[in-house]
Amino acid sequence: MVFELAIARKERNALNPKRLRQYRNPIILAQEWQRRLTNGDSSSPAELAWKLGVSRAHVTQVLRLLKLKSEVLKVLLDIGDPYALPYRERTKA
C-alpha cells in the first residue's frame, strides 16, 4: 500500500513540474548567491531574486544564514550539497 502511494505521488509530481524541487544545502546556496553579488553578476539582492525567480525576502533570508556562528556553519557545510547544480536563472526577454 505504501509503495503504491509513493508511485502515485511520483506520477502526480511528474505531471506538474512545479512540484519537483531541488533541495540544496542552504549554506552552500547562500555562499553561491553571495558570490554572485560580489562578482557583480547581480547588482542587488532584488535583481538576484528576479534572476532566480524567487522573492527578495527569500534571498535576504538565505543570505542571512551566513551570519551564523562559524561552528554552526562548519557543521552545516560538512553535510554537503546533494544537488551541486546552480539554480536555473530566468531568461531576460
Protein backbone atom coordinates (compact mmCIF):
# COMPACT_ATOMS: atom_id res chain seq x y z
CA MET A 1 0.00 0.00 0.00
CA VAL A 2 2.76 2.49 0.93
CA PHE A 3 4.67 1.58 -2.22
CA GLU A 4 1.57 2.21 -4.36
CA LEU A 5 1.09 5.63 -2.75
CA ALA A 6 4.71 6.53 -3.43
CA ILE A 7 4.33 5.59 -7.10
CA ALA A 8 1.10 7.58 -7.40
CA ARG A 9 2.74 10.62 -5.79
CA LYS A 10 5.75 10.34 -8.11
CA GLU A 11 3.49 10.16 -11.18
CA ARG A 12 1.46 13.16 -9.99
CA ASN A 13 4.65 15.17 -9.47
CA ALA A 14 5.89 14.22 -12.92
CA LEU A 15 2.77 15.78 -14.42
CA ASN A 16 3.28 19.02 -12.50
CA PRO A 17 6.85 20.30 -12.96
CA LYS A 18 6.38 23.00 -10.31
CA ARG A 19 6.05 20.25 -7.70
CA LEU A 20 9.51 18.91 -8.50
CA ARG A 21 12.04 20.72 -6.32
CA GLN A 22 15.72 20.58 -5.74
CA TYR A 23 16.70 20.61 -2.11
CA ARG A 24 20.07 22.26 -1.64
CA ASN A 25 22.26 22.80 1.36
CA PRO A 26 21.16 26.31 2.38
CA ILE A 27 24.66 27.39 3.42
CA ILE A 28 26.19 26.39 0.09
CA LEU A 29 23.31 28.11 -1.66
CA ALA A 30 23.88 31.27 0.40
CA GLN A 31 27.59 31.23 -0.45
CA GLU A 32 26.79 30.82 -4.15
CA TRP A 33 24.34 33.74 -4.05
CA GLN A 34 26.80 35.90 -2.11
CA ARG A 35 29.49 35.18 -4.73
CA ARG A 36 27.10 36.31 -7.45
CA LEU A 37 26.51 39.57 -5.63
CA THR A 38 30.23 40.19 -5.00
CA ASN A 39 31.26 39.25 -8.55
CA GLY A 40 28.79 41.74 -9.99
CA ASP A 41 26.59 39.13 -11.68
CA SER A 42 23.72 40.87 -9.89
CA SER A 43 23.87 44.42 -8.60
CA SER A 44 21.45 43.88 -5.71
CA PRO A 45 19.56 41.16 -3.85
CA ALA A 46 16.41 42.34 -5.65
CA GLU A 47 18.00 41.75 -9.07
CA LEU A 48 19.32 38.38 -7.94
CA ALA A 49 15.84 37.43 -6.75
CA TRP A 50 14.38 38.38 -10.12
CA LYS A 51 17.00 36.33 -11.99
CA LEU A 52 16.39 33.31 -9.76
CA GLY A 53 12.62 33.62 -9.83
CA VAL A 54 12.31 33.82 -6.03
CA SER A 55 11.17 36.61 -3.71
CA ARG A 56 13.51 39.28 -2.38
CA ALA A 57 12.63 38.15 1.13
CA HIS A 58 13.80 34.62 0.33
CA VAL A 59 17.15 35.90 -0.96
CA THR A 60 17.58 38.00 2.18
CA GLN A 61 16.71 35.08 4.46
CA VAL A 62 19.13 32.73 2.70
CA LEU A 63 21.96 35.29 2.75
CA ARG A 64 21.35 35.96 6.44
CA LEU A 65 22.30 32.32 7.15
CA LEU A 66 25.92 33.32 6.51
CA LYS A 67 25.80 35.30 9.77
CA LEU A 68 25.52 32.12 11.85
CA LYS A 69 28.40 31.23 14.17
CA SER A 70 31.36 29.66 12.39
CA GLU A 71 30.93 26.36 14.29
CA VAL A 72 27.35 26.05 13.07
CA LEU A 73 28.36 26.93 9.51
CA LYS A 74 31.07 24.26 9.55
CA VAL A 75 28.65 21.56 10.72
CA LEU A 76 26.13 22.52 8.05
CA LEU A 77 28.79 22.66 5.33
CA ASP A 78 30.01 19.19 6.31
CA ILE A 79 26.60 17.83 5.34
CA GLY A 80 27.42 18.59 1.72
CA ASP A 81 25.17 19.53 -1.17
CA PRO A 82 23.06 16.76 -2.73
CA TYR A 83 22.47 18.85 -5.85
CA ALA A 84 25.58 20.77 -6.78
CA LEU A 85 23.90 22.38 -9.76
CA PRO A 86 23.15 26.12 -9.55
CA TYR A 87 19.58 27.40 -9.56
CA ARG A 88 18.21 27.88 -13.05
CA GLU A 89 18.09 31.54 -13.96
CA ARG A 90 15.17 33.33 -15.51
CA THR A 91 15.97 34.42 -19.05
CA LYS A 92 15.84 38.11 -19.81
CA ALA A 93 13.33 38.68 -22.57
